[in-house]
């Protein structure tokens, strides 16, 4: 077993503190205390949480604390993905609108042409 794996299974939380200590002291999880995470950072922490939970070596309270934190991380990732999707959709629409304007015909009156 590697040192990293030992640290993970010994109750170390996602931010390096004991998940059990955070749960018993009533401290909010590390994500709540920090600035909002970038997608890559939140996703990396979520991946780490999944690995810890899948390992199955955590005491129940630690697993619950990590699960709660991972739910917040998943929500943060989803919010960021939704915002990115909205930006892409807006860019597509503005690009589509610009293309339509570039090929728009000038209005004309049929009666003016016959004179």
PDB file of N, CA and C in Angstrom:
ATOM      1  N   UNK A   1       0.852  -1.176   0.000  1.00  0.00           N
ATOM      2  CA  UNK A   1       0.000   0.000   0.000  1.00  0.00           C
ATOM      3  C   UNK A   1       0.895   1.236   0.000  1.00  0.00           C
ATOM      4  N   UNK A   2       0.624   2.198  -0.883  1.00  0.00           N
ATOM      5  CA  UNK A   2       1.454   3.397  -0.966  1.00  0.00           C
ATOM      6  C   UNK A   2       1.133   4.343   0.181  1.00  0.00           C
ATOM      7  N   UNK A   3       2.051   5.294   0.408  1.00  0.00           N
ATOM      8  CA  UNK A   3       1.821   6.282   1.459  1.00  0.00           C
ATOM      9  C   UNK A   3       0.573   7.098   1.189  1.00  0.00           C
ATOM     10  N   UNK A   4       0.358   7.446  -0.090  1.00  0.00           N
ATOM     11  CA  UNK A   4      -0.829   8.230  -0.431  1.00  0.00           C
ATOM     12  C   UNK A   4      -2.084   7.441  -0.097  1.00  0.00           C
ATOM     13  N   UNK A   5      -2.120   6.169  -0.416  1.00  0.00           N
ATOM     14  CA  UNK A   5      -3.281   5.334  -0.143  1.00  0.00           C
ATOM     15  C   UNK A   5      -3.506   5.226   1.357  1.00  0.00           C
ATOM     16  N   UNK A   6      -2.415   5.117   2.130  1.00  0.00           N
ATOM     17  CA  UNK A   6      -2.549   5.047   3.593  1.00  0.00           C
ATOM     18  C   UNK A   6      -3.155   6.329   4.137  1.00  0.00           C
ATOM     19  N   UNK A   7      -2.702   7.473   3.606  1.00  0.00           N
ATOM     20  CA  UNK A   7      -3.259   8.751   4.067  1.00  0.00           C
ATOM     21  C   UNK A   7      -4.738   8.826   3.736  1.00  0.00           C
ATOM     22  N   UNK A   8      -5.111   8.368   2.566  1.00  0.00           N
ATOM     23  CA  UNK A   8      -6.506   8.412   2.161  1.00  0.00           C
ATOM     24  C   UNK A   8      -7.374   7.550   3.065  1.00  0.00           C
ATOM     25  N   UNK A   9      -6.908   6.367   3.385  1.00  0.00           N
ATOM     26  CA  UNK A   9      -7.733   5.454   4.170  1.00  0.00           C
ATOM     27  C   UNK A   9      -7.642   5.712   5.661  1.00  0.00           C
ATOM     28  N   UNK A  10      -6.752   6.576   6.076  1.00  0.00           N
ATOM     29  CA  UNK A  10      -6.632   6.844   7.501  1.00  0.00           C
ATOM     30  C   UNK A  10      -7.563   7.953   7.959  1.00  0.00           C
ATOM     31  N   UNK A  11      -8.491   8.399   7.084  1.00  0.00           N
ATOM     32  CA  UNK A  11      -9.453   9.405   7.501  1.00  0.00           C
ATOM     33  C   UNK A  11      -9.070  10.791   7.047  1.00  0.00           C
ATOM     34  N   UNK A  12      -8.044  10.940   6.229  1.00  0.00           N
ATOM     35  CA  UNK A  12      -7.694  12.262   5.743  1.00  0.00           C
ATOM     36  C   UNK A  12      -8.783  12.736   4.812  1.00  0.00           C
ATOM     37  N   UNK A  13      -9.246  13.971   5.035  1.00  0.00           N
ATOM     38  CA  UNK A  13     -10.298  14.538   4.201  1.00  0.00           C
ATOM     39  C   UNK A  13      -9.745  15.033   2.885  1.00  0.00           C
ATOM     40  N   UNK A  14     -10.620  15.574   2.075  1.00  0.00           N
ATOM     41  CA  UNK A  14     -10.225  16.038   0.757  1.00  0.00           C
ATOM     42  C   UNK A  14      -9.308  17.245   0.828  1.00  0.00           C
ATOM     43  N   UNK A  15      -9.350  17.981   1.922  1.00  0.00           N
ATOM     44  CA  UNK A  15      -8.479  19.136   2.035  1.00  0.00           C
ATOM     45  C   UNK A  15      -7.286  18.878   2.950  1.00  0.00           C
ATOM     46  N   UNK A  16      -7.048  17.622   3.277  1.00  0.00           N
ATOM     47  CA  UNK A  16      -5.899  17.256   4.093  1.00  0.00           C
ATOM     48  C   UNK A  16      -6.195  17.168   5.575  1.00  0.00           C
ATOM     49  N   UNK A  17      -7.401  17.566   6.004  1.00  0.00           N
ATOM     50  CA  UNK A  17      -7.760  17.455   7.416  1.00  0.00           C
ATOM     51  C   UNK A  17      -8.628  16.227   7.590  1.00  0.00           C
ATOM     52  N   UNK A  18      -8.741  15.807   8.801  1.00  0.00           N
ATOM     53  CA  UNK A  18      -9.531  14.617   9.073  1.00  0.00           C
ATOM     54  C   UNK A  18     -11.015  14.895   8.849  1.00  0.00           C
ATOM     55  N   UNK A  19     -11.645  14.055   8.073  1.00  0.00           N
ATOM     56  CA  UNK A  19     -13.078  14.203   7.828  1.00  0.00           C
ATOM     57  C   UNK A  19     -13.844  14.015   9.132  1.00  0.00           C
ATOM     58  N   UNK A  20     -13.361  13.107   9.964  1.00  0.00           N
ATOM     59  CA  UNK A  20     -14.019  12.886  11.247  1.00  0.00           C
ATOM     60  C   UNK A  20     -13.916  14.115  12.136  1.00  0.00           C
ATOM     61  N   UNK A  21     -12.755  14.769  12.165  1.00  0.00           N
ATOM     62  CA  UNK A  21     -12.585  15.980  12.969  1.00  0.00           C
ATOM     63  C   UNK A  21     -13.539  17.062  12.493  1.00  0.00           C
ATOM     64  N   UNK A  22     -13.687  17.219  11.195  1.00  0.00           N
ATOM     65  CA  UNK A  22     -14.595  18.227  10.656  1.00  0.00           C
ATOM     66  C   UNK A  22     -16.037  17.902  11.032  1.00  0.00           C
ATOM     67  N   UNK A  23     -16.378  16.630  11.014  1.00  0.00           N
ATOM     68  CA  UNK A  23     -17.743  16.238  11.331  1.00  0.00           C
ATOM     69  C   UNK A  23     -18.062  16.441  12.801  1.00  0.00           C
ATOM     70  N   UNK A  24     -17.100  16.154  13.686  1.00  0.00           N
ATOM     71  CA  UNK A  24     -17.376  16.257  15.116  1.00  0.00           C
ATOM     72  C   UNK A  24     -17.287  17.679  15.633  1.00  0.00           C
ATOM     73  N   UNK A  25     -16.524  18.542  14.979  1.00  0.00           N
ATOM     74  CA  UNK A  25     -16.414  19.925  15.440  1.00  0.00           C
ATOM     75  C   UNK A  25     -17.477  20.812  14.833  1.00  0.00           C
ATOM     76  N   UNK A  26     -18.230  20.310  13.869  1.00  0.00           N
ATOM     77  CA  UNK A  26     -19.258  21.111  13.240  1.00  0.00           C
ATOM     78  C   UNK A  26     -18.716  22.079  12.205  1.00  0.00           C
ATOM     79  N   UNK A  27     -17.445  21.935  11.860  1.00  0.00           N
ATOM     80  CA  UNK A  27     -16.867  22.801  10.834  1.00  0.00           C
ATOM     81  C   UNK A  27     -17.504  22.484   9.499  1.00  0.00           C
ATOM     82  N   UNK A  28     -17.725  23.533   8.687  1.00  0.00           N
ATOM     83  CA  UNK A  28     -18.245  23.242   7.352  1.00  0.00           C
ATOM     84  C   UNK A  28     -17.181  22.549   6.528  1.00  0.00           C
ATOM     85  N   UNK A  29     -17.571  21.750   5.571  1.00  0.00           N
ATOM     86  CA  UNK A  29     -16.585  21.100   4.694  1.00  0.00           C
ATOM     87  C   UNK A  29     -15.727  22.129   3.994  1.00  0.00           C
ATOM     88  N   UNK A  30     -14.585  21.693   3.537  1.00  0.00           N
ATOM     89  CA  UNK A  30     -13.591  22.597   2.969  1.00  0.00           C
ATOM     90  C   UNK A  30     -14.114  23.374   1.784  1.00  0.00           C
ATOM     91  N   UNK A  31     -14.980  22.805   0.982  1.00  0.00           N
ATOM     92  CA  UNK A  31     -15.468  23.487  -0.212  1.00  0.00           C
ATOM     93  C   UNK A  31     -16.283  24.710   0.170  1.00  0.00           C
ATOM     94  N   UNK A  32     -17.090  24.604   1.217  1.00  0.00           N
ATOM     95  CA  UNK A  32     -17.938  25.710   1.607  1.00  0.00           C
ATOM     96  C   UNK A  32     -17.125  26.891   2.123  1.00  0.00           C
ATOM     97  N   UNK A  33     -15.965  26.644   2.680  1.00  0.00           N
ATOM     98  CA  UNK A  33     -15.165  27.696   3.272  1.00  0.00           C
ATOM     99  C   UNK A  33     -14.294  28.419   2.253  1.00  0.00           C
ATOM    100  N   UNK A  34     -14.143  27.870   1.058  1.00  0.00           N
ATOM    101  CA  UNK A  34     -13.263  28.442   0.059  1.00  0.00           C
ATOM    102  C   UNK A  34     -14.053  29.225  -0.969  1.00  0.00           C
ATOM    103  N   UNK A  35     -13.304  29.959  -1.791  1.00  0.00           N
ATOM    104  CA  UNK A  35     -13.916  30.593  -2.950  1.00  0.00           C
ATOM    105  C   UNK A  35     -14.430  29.496  -3.864  1.00  0.00           C
ATOM    106  N   UNK A  36     -15.381  29.834  -4.729  1.00  0.00           N
ATOM    107  CA  UNK A  36     -15.861  28.809  -5.661  1.00  0.00           C
ATOM    108  C   UNK A  36     -14.706  28.215  -6.475  1.00  0.00           C
ATOM    109  N   UNK A  37     -14.751  26.922  -6.626  1.00  0.00           N
ATOM    110  CA  UNK A  37     -13.683  26.209  -7.319  1.00  0.00           C
ATOM    111  C   UNK A  37     -13.855  26.274  -8.829  1.00  0.00           C
ATOM    112  N   UNK A  38     -12.732  26.261  -9.523  1.00  0.00           N
ATOM    113  CA  UNK A  38     -12.753  26.107 -10.971  1.00  0.00           C
ATOM    114  C   UNK A  38     -13.209  24.684 -11.275  1.00  0.00           C
ATOM    115  N   UNK A  39     -13.716  24.470 -12.480  1.00  0.00           N
ATOM    116  CA  UNK A  39     -14.238  23.160 -12.844  1.00  0.00           C
ATOM    117  C   UNK A  39     -13.200  22.062 -12.641  1.00  0.00           C
ATOM    118  N   UNK A  40     -11.996  22.287 -13.135  1.00  0.00           N
ATOM    119  CA  UNK A  40     -10.967  21.248 -13.075  1.00  0.00           C
ATOM    120  C   UNK A  40     -10.630  20.878 -11.640  1.00  0.00           C
ATOM    121  N   UNK A  41     -10.575  21.882 -10.776  1.00  0.00           N
ATOM    122  CA  UNK A  41     -10.266  21.616  -9.365  1.00  0.00           C
ATOM    123  C   UNK A  41     -11.419  20.876  -8.690  1.00  0.00           C
ATOM    124  N   UNK A  42     -12.635  21.324  -8.927  1.00  0.00           N
ATOM    125  CA  UNK A  42     -13.801  20.659  -8.332  1.00  0.00           C
ATOM    126  C   UNK A  42     -13.917  19.229  -8.833  1.00  0.00           C
ATOM    127  N   UNK A  43     -13.694  19.025 -10.133  1.00  0.00           N
ATOM    128  CA  UNK A  43     -13.788  17.684 -10.705  1.00  0.00           C
ATOM    129  C   UNK A  43     -12.690  16.778 -10.147  1.00  0.00           C
ATOM    130  N   UNK A  44     -11.488  17.324  -9.961  1.00  0.00           N
ATOM    131  CA  UNK A  44     -10.398  16.539  -9.383  1.00  0.00           C
ATOM    132  C   UNK A  44     -10.706  16.107  -7.958  1.00  0.00           C
ATOM    133  N   UNK A  45     -11.265  17.030  -7.173  1.00  0.00           N
ATOM    134  CA  UNK A  45     -11.631  16.686  -5.799  1.00  0.00           C
ATOM    135  C   UNK A  45     -12.778  15.685  -5.774  1.00  0.00           C
ATOM    136  N   UNK A  46     -13.692  15.827  -6.717  1.00  0.00           N
ATOM    137  CA  UNK A  46     -14.792  14.868  -6.799  1.00  0.00           C
ATOM    138  C   UNK A  46     -14.266  13.478  -7.140  1.00  0.00           C
ATOM    139  N   UNK A  47     -13.324  13.417  -8.056  1.00  0.00           N
ATOM    140  CA  UNK A  47     -12.703  12.142  -8.418  1.00  0.00           C
ATOM    141  C   UNK A  47     -12.009  11.515  -7.211  1.00  0.00           C
ATOM    142  N   UNK A  48     -11.326  12.347  -6.448  1.00  0.00           N
ATOM    143  CA  UNK A  48     -10.653  11.850  -5.241  1.00  0.00           C
ATOM    144  C   UNK A  48     -11.668  11.312  -4.232  1.00  0.00           C
ATOM    145  N   UNK A  49     -12.785  12.024  -4.080  1.00  0.00           N
ATOM    146  CA  UNK A  49     -13.820  11.578  -3.151  1.00  0.00           C
ATOM    147  C   UNK A  49     -14.393  10.231  -3.583  1.00  0.00           C
ATOM    148  N   UNK A  50     -14.631  10.088  -4.881  1.00  0.00           N
ATOM    149  CA  UNK A  50     -15.154   8.818  -5.397  1.00  0.00           C
ATOM    150  C   UNK A  50     -14.177   7.686  -5.093  1.00  0.00           C
ATOM    151  N   UNK A  51     -12.889   7.945  -5.310  1.00  0.00           N
ATOM    152  CA  UNK A  51     -11.885   6.911  -5.023  1.00  0.00           C
ATOM    153  C   UNK A  51     -11.878   6.526  -3.553  1.00  0.00           C
ATOM    154  N   UNK A  52     -11.997   7.521  -2.681  1.00  0.00           N
ATOM    155  CA  UNK A  52     -12.023   7.238  -1.249  1.00  0.00           C
ATOM    156  C   UNK A  52     -13.247   6.403  -0.875  1.00  0.00           C
ATOM    157  N   UNK A  53     -14.384   6.772  -1.426  1.00  0.00           N
ATOM    158  CA  UNK A  53     -15.614   6.051  -1.094  1.00  0.00           C
ATOM    159  C   UNK A  53     -15.622   4.640  -1.684  1.00  0.00           C
ATOM    160  N   UNK A  54     -15.104   4.505  -2.894  1.00  0.00           N
ATOM    161  CA  UNK A  54     -15.062   3.182  -3.516  1.00  0.00           C
ATOM    162  C   UNK A  54     -14.118   2.233  -2.793  1.00  0.00           C
ATOM    163  N   UNK A  55     -13.087   2.786  -2.167  1.00  0.00           N
ATOM    164  CA  UNK A  55     -12.123   1.962  -1.453  1.00  0.00           C
ATOM    165  C   UNK A  55     -12.798   1.194  -0.312  1.00  0.00           C
ATOM    166  N   UNK A  56     -13.815   1.796   0.283  1.00  0.00           N
ATOM    167  CA  UNK A  56     -14.585   1.120   1.314  1.00  0.00           C
ATOM    168  C   UNK A  56     -13.890   0.958   2.650  1.00  0.00           C
ATOM    169  N   UNK A  57     -12.797   1.645   2.875  1.00  0.00           N
ATOM    170  CA  UNK A  57     -12.041   1.488   4.115  1.00  0.00           C
ATOM    171  C   UNK A  57     -12.309   2.592   5.138  1.00  0.00           C
ATOM    172  N   UNK A  58     -13.226   3.511   4.831  1.00  0.00           N
ATOM    173  CA  UNK A  58     -13.497   4.624   5.736  1.00  0.00           C
ATOM    174  C   UNK A  58     -14.559   4.261   6.765  1.00  0.00           C
ATOM    175  N   UNK A  59     -14.439   4.817   7.957  1.00  0.00           N
ATOM    176  CA  UNK A  59     -15.533   4.670   8.921  1.00  0.00           C
ATOM    177  C   UNK A  59     -16.784   5.366   8.368  1.00  0.00           C
ATOM    178  N   UNK A  60     -17.935   4.950   8.821  1.00  0.00           N
ATOM    179  CA  UNK A  60     -19.196   5.446   8.295  1.00  0.00           C
ATOM    180  C   UNK A  60     -19.292   6.972   8.353  1.00  0.00           C
ATOM    181  N   UNK A  61     -18.955   7.562   9.472  1.00  0.00           N
ATOM    182  CA  UNK A  61     -19.059   9.024   9.603  1.00  0.00           C
ATOM    183  C   UNK A  61     -18.161   9.742   8.614  1.00  0.00           C
ATOM    184  N   UNK A  62     -16.949   9.242   8.425  1.00  0.00           N
ATOM    185  CA  UNK A  62     -16.036   9.844   7.446  1.00  0.00           C
ATOM    186  C   UNK A  62     -16.600   9.710   6.038  1.00  0.00           C
ATOM    187  N   UNK A  63     -17.149   8.541   5.746  1.00  0.00           N
ATOM    188  CA  UNK A  63     -17.727   8.314   4.416  1.00  0.00           C
ATOM    189  C   UNK A  63     -18.904   9.244   4.174  1.00  0.00           C
ATOM    190  N   UNK A  64     -19.734   9.452   5.182  1.00  0.00           N
ATOM    191  CA  UNK A  64     -20.868  10.363   5.038  1.00  0.00           C
ATOM    192  C   UNK A  64     -20.409  11.799   4.825  1.00  0.00           C
ATOM    193  N   UNK A  65     -19.401  12.213   5.553  1.00  0.00           N
ATOM    194  CA  UNK A  65     -18.865  13.566   5.395  1.00  0.00           C
ATOM    195  C   UNK A  65     -18.301  13.765   3.994  1.00  0.00           C
ATOM    196  N   UNK A  66     -17.565  12.789   3.519  1.00  0.00           N
ATOM    197  CA  UNK A  66     -16.985  12.877   2.173  1.00  0.00           C
ATOM    198  C   UNK A  66     -18.093  12.828   1.128  1.00  0.00           C
ATOM    199  N   UNK A  67     -19.109  12.016   1.359  1.00  0.00           N
ATOM    200  CA  UNK A  67     -20.231  11.957   0.426  1.00  0.00           C
ATOM    201  C   UNK A  67     -20.941  13.304   0.342  1.00  0.00           C
ATOM    202  N   UNK A  68     -21.171  13.942   1.485  1.00  0.00           N
ATOM    203  CA  UNK A  68     -21.812  15.266   1.495  1.00  0.00           C
ATOM    204  C   UNK A  68     -20.978  16.276   0.709  1.00  0.00           C
ATOM    205  N   UNK A  69     -19.679  16.257   0.947  1.00  0.00           N
ATOM    206  CA  UNK A  69     -18.803  17.174   0.227  1.00  0.00           C
ATOM    207  C   UNK A  69     -18.797  16.866  -1.268  1.00  0.00           C
ATOM    208  N   UNK A  70     -18.824  15.593  -1.599  1.00  0.00           N
ATOM    209  CA  UNK A  70     -18.811  15.234  -3.017  1.00  0.00           C
ATOM    210  C   UNK A  70     -20.103  15.648  -3.705  1.00  0.00           C
ATOM    211  N   UNK A  71     -21.212  15.649  -3.000  1.00  0.00           N
ATOM    212  CA  UNK A  71     -22.467  16.126  -3.581  1.00  0.00           C
ATOM    213  C   UNK A  71     -22.375  17.624  -3.891  1.00  0.00           C
ATOM    214  N   UNK A  72     -21.744  18.379  -3.011  1.00  0.00           N
ATOM    215  CA  UNK A  72     -21.544  19.818  -3.276  1.00  0.00           C
ATOM    216  C   UNK A  72     -20.599  20.018  -4.456  1.00  0.00           C
ATOM    217  N   UNK A  73     -19.573  19.199  -4.522  1.00  0.00           N
ATOM    218  CA  UNK A  73     -18.642  19.292  -5.654  1.00  0.00           C
ATOM    219  C   UNK A  73     -19.346  18.956  -6.971  1.00  0.00           C
ATOM    220  N   UNK A  74     -20.184  17.936  -6.955  1.00  0.00           N
ATOM    221  CA  UNK A  74     -20.925  17.556  -8.163  1.00  0.00           C
ATOM    222  C   UNK A  74     -21.865  18.683  -8.588  1.00  0.00           C
ATOM    223  N   UNK A  75     -22.494  19.323  -7.613  1.00  0.00           N
ATOM    224  CA  UNK A  75     -23.379  20.444  -7.919  1.00  0.00           C
ATOM    225  C   UNK A  75     -22.583  21.601  -8.526  1.00  0.00           C
ATOM    226  N   UNK A  76     -21.418  21.884  -7.969  1.00  0.00           N
ATOM    227  CA  UNK A  76     -20.563  22.949  -8.506  1.00  0.00           C
ATOM    228  C   UNK A  76     -20.151  22.630  -9.947  1.00  0.00           C
ATOM    229  N   UNK A  77     -19.748  21.393 -10.197  1.00  0.00           N
ATOM    230  CA  UNK A  77     -19.371  20.989 -11.554  1.00  0.00           C
ATOM    231  C   UNK A  77     -20.547  21.156 -12.507  1.00  0.00           C
ATOM    232  N   UNK A  78     -21.735  20.758 -12.076  1.00  0.00           N
ATOM    233  CA  UNK A  78     -22.917  20.877 -12.939  1.00  0.00           C
ATOM    234  C   UNK A  78     -23.230  22.342 -13.228  1.00  0.00           C
ATOM    235  N   UNK A  79     -23.111  23.205 -12.223  1.00  0.00           N
ATOM    236  CA  UNK A  79     -23.346  24.634 -12.438  1.00  0.00           C
ATOM    237  C   UNK A  79     -22.375  25.192 -13.471  1.00  0.00           C
ATOM    238  N   UNK A  80     -21.120  24.818 -13.366  1.00  0.00           N
ATOM    239  CA  UNK A  80     -20.114  25.301 -14.312  1.00  0.00           C
ATOM    240  C   UNK A  80     -20.360  24.761 -15.713  1.00  0.00           C
ATOM    241  N   UNK A  81     -20.761  23.503 -15.808  1.00  0.00           N
ATOM    242  CA  UNK A  81     -21.081  22.925 -17.117  1.00  0.00           C
ATOM    243  C   UNK A  81     -22.303  23.606 -17.737  1.00  0.00           C
ATOM    244  N   UNK A  82     -23.307  23.897 -16.915  1.00  0.00           N
ATOM    245  CA  UNK A  82     -24.496  24.587 -17.418  1.00  0.00           C
ATOM    246  C   UNK A  82     -24.144  25.983 -17.926  1.00  0.00           C
ATOM    247  N   UNK A  83     -23.290  26.689 -17.183  1.00  0.00           N
ATOM    248  CA  UNK A  83     -22.865  28.027 -17.604  1.00  0.00           C
ATOM    249  C   UNK A  83     -22.073  27.966 -18.905  1.00  0.00           C
ATOM    250  N   UNK A  84     -21.221  26.970 -19.036  1.00  0.00           N
ATOM    251  CA  UNK A  84     -20.439  26.818 -20.268  1.00  0.00           C
ATOM    252  C   UNK A  84     -21.361  26.503 -21.448  1.00  0.00           C
ATOM    253  N   UNK A  85     -22.342  25.649 -21.220  1.00  0.00           N
ATOM    254  CA  UNK A  85     -23.289  25.307 -22.282  1.00  0.00           C
ATOM    255  C   UNK A  85     -24.068  26.542 -22.726  1.00  0.00           C
ATOM    256  N   UNK A  86     -24.470  27.370 -21.770  1.00  0.00           N
ATOM    257  CA  UNK A  86     -25.181  28.604 -22.090  1.00  0.00           C
ATOM    258  C   UNK A  86     -24.310  29.543 -22.917  1.00  0.00           C
ATOM    259  N   UNK A  87     -23.045  29.663 -22.536  1.00  0.00           N
ATOM    260  CA  UNK A  87     -22.125  30.512 -23.310  1.00  0.00           C
ATOM    261  C   UNK A  87     -21.968  30.012 -24.739  1.00  0.00           C
ATOM    262  N   UNK A  88     -21.828  28.711 -24.902  1.00  0.00           N
ATOM    263  CA  UNK A  88     -21.690  28.138 -26.242  1.00  0.00           C
ATOM    264  C   UNK A  88     -22.950  28.408 -27.057  1.00  0.00           C
ATOM    265  N   UNK A  89     -24.109  28.218 -26.445  1.00  0.00           N
ATOM    266  CA  UNK A  89     -25.373  28.466 -27.150  1.00  0.00           C
ATOM    267  C   UNK A  89     -25.493  29.931 -27.557  1.00  0.00           C
ATOM    268  N   UNK A  90     -25.103  30.831 -26.688  1.00  0.00           N
ATOM    269  CA  UNK A  90     -25.141  32.262 -27.034  1.00  0.00           C
ATOM    270  C   UNK A  90     -24.184  32.571 -28.177  1.00  0.00           C
ATOM    271  N   UNK A  91     -23.016  31.984 -28.149  1.00  0.00           N
ATOM    272  CA  UNK A  91     -22.065  32.199 -29.239  1.00  0.00           C
ATOM    273  C   UNK A  91     -22.613  31.656 -30.554  1.00  0.00           C
ATOM    274  N   UNK A  92     -23.226  30.505 -30.505  1.00  0.00           N
ATOM    275  CA  UNK A  92     -23.814  29.921 -31.718  1.00  0.00           C
ATOM    276  C   UNK A  92     -24.909  30.822 -32.276  1.00  0.00           C
ATOM    277  N   UNK A  93     -25.754  31.323 -31.388  1.00  0.00           N
ATOM    278  CA  UNK A  93     -26.841  32.198 -31.825  1.00  0.00           C
ATOM    279  C   UNK A  93     -26.299  33.490 -32.420  1.00  0.00           C
ATOM    280  N   UNK A  94     -25.330  34.096 -31.756  1.00  0.00           N
ATOM    281  CA  UNK A  94     -24.792  35.354 -32.277  1.00  0.00           C
ATOM    282  C   UNK A  94     -24.089  35.123 -33.605  1.00  0.00           C
ATOM    283  N   UNK A  95     -23.429  34.000 -33.754  1.00  0.00           N
ATOM    284  CA  UNK A  95     -22.770  33.659 -35.016  1.00  0.00           C
ATOM    285  C   UNK A  95     -23.818  33.426 -36.103  1.00  0.00           C
ATOM    286  N   UNK A  96     -24.888  32.753 -35.748  1.00  0.00           N
ATOM    287  CA  UNK A  96     -25.972  32.494 -36.700  1.00  0.00           C
ATOM    288  C   UNK A  96     -26.647  33.800 -37.112  1.00  0.00           C
ATOM    289  N   UNK A  97     -26.881  34.686 -36.134  1.00  0.00           N
ATOM    290  CA  UNK A  97     -27.487  35.982 -36.431  1.00  0.00           C
ATOM    291  C   UNK A  97     -26.589  36.803 -37.338  1.00  0.00           C
ATOM    292  N   UNK A  98     -25.287  36.775 -37.093  1.00  0.00           N
ATOM    293  CA  UNK A  98     -24.339  37.520 -37.915  1.00  0.00           C
ATOM    294  C   UNK A  98     -24.321  36.976 -39.337  1.00  0.00           C
ATOM    295  N   UNK A  99     -24.407  35.679 -39.493  1.00  0.00           N
ATOM    296  CA  UNK A  99     -24.422  35.076 -40.824  1.00  0.00           C
ATOM    297  C   UNK A  99     -25.688  35.454 -41.570  1.00  0.00           C
ATOM    298  N   UNK A 100     -26.815  35.486 -40.879  1.00  0.00           N
ATOM    299  CA  UNK A 100     -28.075  35.876 -41.513  1.00  0.00           C
ATOM    300  C   UNK A 100     -28.029  37.330 -41.957  1.00  0.00           C
ATOM    301  N   UNK A 101     -27.443  38.197 -41.138  1.00  0.00           N
ATOM    302  CA  UNK A 101     -27.334  39.614 -41.485  1.00  0.00           C
ATOM    303  C   UNK A 101     -26.411  39.811 -42.680  1.00  0.00           C
ATOM    304  N   UNK A 102     -25.379  39.043 -42.795  1.00  0.00           N
ATOM    305  CA  UNK A 102     -24.430  39.192 -43.893  1.00  0.00           C
ATOM    306  C   UNK A 102     -25.073  38.850 -45.226  1.00  0.00           C
ATOM    307  N   UNK A 103     -26.044  37.947 -45.205  1.00  0.00           N
ATOM    308  CA  UNK A 103     -26.684  37.527 -46.446  1.00  0.00           C
ATOM    309  C   UNK A 103     -28.095  38.082 -46.607  1.00  0.00           C
ATOM    310  N   UNK A 104     -28.469  39.051 -45.808  1.00  0.00           N
ATOM    311  CA  UNK A 104     -29.809  39.614 -45.890  1.00  0.00           C
ATOM    312  C   UNK A 104     -29.939  40.466 -47.146  1.00  0.00           C
ATOM    313  N   UNK A 105     -31.043  40.324 -47.799  1.00  0.00           N
ATOM    314  CA  UNK A 105     -31.324  41.108 -48.999  1.00  0.00           C
ATOM    315  C   UNK A 105     -31.948  42.437 -48.594  1.00  0.00           C
ATOM    316  N   UNK A 106     -31.638  43.467 -49.361  1.00  0.00           N
ATOM    317  CA  UNK A 106     -32.263  44.755 -49.111  1.00  0.00           C
ATOM    318  C   UNK A 106     -33.709  44.675 -49.572  1.00  0.00           C
ATOM    319  N   UNK A 107     -34.607  45.222 -48.788  1.00  0.00           N
ATOM    320  CA  UNK A 107     -36.010  45.188 -49.205  1.00  0.00           C
ATOM    321  C   UNK A 107     -36.208  46.055 -50.450  1.00  0.00           C
ATOM    322  N   UNK A 108     -37.100  45.648 -51.299  1.00  0.00           N
ATOM    323  CA  UNK A 108     -37.408  46.451 -52.481  1.00  0.00           C
ATOM    324  C   UNK A 108     -38.900  46.375 -52.752  1.00  0.00           C
ATOM    325  N   UNK A 109     -39.364  47.359 -53.465  1.00  0.00           N
ATOM    326  CA  UNK A 109     -40.781  47.432 -53.806  1.00  0.00           C
ATOM    327  C   UNK A 109     -40.929  47.078 -55.277  1.00  0.00           C
ATOM    328  N   UNK A 110     -41.778  46.152 -55.592  1.00  0.00           N
ATOM    329  CA  UNK A 110     -41.979  45.685 -56.957  1.00  0.00           C
ATOM    330  C   UNK A 110     -42.450  46.827 -57.854  1.00  0.00           C
ATOM    331  N   UNK A 111     -43.274  47.724 -57.336  1.00  0.00           N
ATOM    332  CA  UNK A 111     -43.808  48.834 -58.125  1.00  0.00           C
ATOM    333  C   UNK A 111     -42.694  49.771 -58.568  1.00  0.00           C
ATOM    334  N   UNK A 112     -41.623  49.955 -57.778  1.00  0.00           N
ATOM    335  CA  UNK A 112     -40.530  50.837 -58.133  1.00  0.00           C
ATOM    336  C   UNK A 112     -39.741  50.288 -59.329  1.00  0.00           C
ATOM    337  N   UNK A 113     -39.674  49.017 -59.471  1.00  0.00           N
ATOM    338  CA  UNK A 113     -38.898  48.391 -60.552  1.00  0.00           C
ATOM    339  C   UNK A 113     -39.548  48.591 -61.903  1.00  0.00           C
ATOM    340  N   UNK A 114     -40.859  48.679 -61.961  1.00  0.00           N
ATOM    341  CA  UNK A 114     -41.561  48.779 -63.246  1.00  0.00           C
ATOM    342  C   UNK A 114     -41.517  50.176 -63.820  1.00  0.00           C
ATOM    343  N   UNK A 115     -41.215  51.184 -63.095  1.00  0.00           N
ATOM    344  CA  UNK A 115     -41.268  52.565 -63.588  1.00  0.00           C
ATOM    345  C   UNK A 115     -40.178  52.905 -64.537  1.00  0.00           C
TER     346      UNK A 115
END
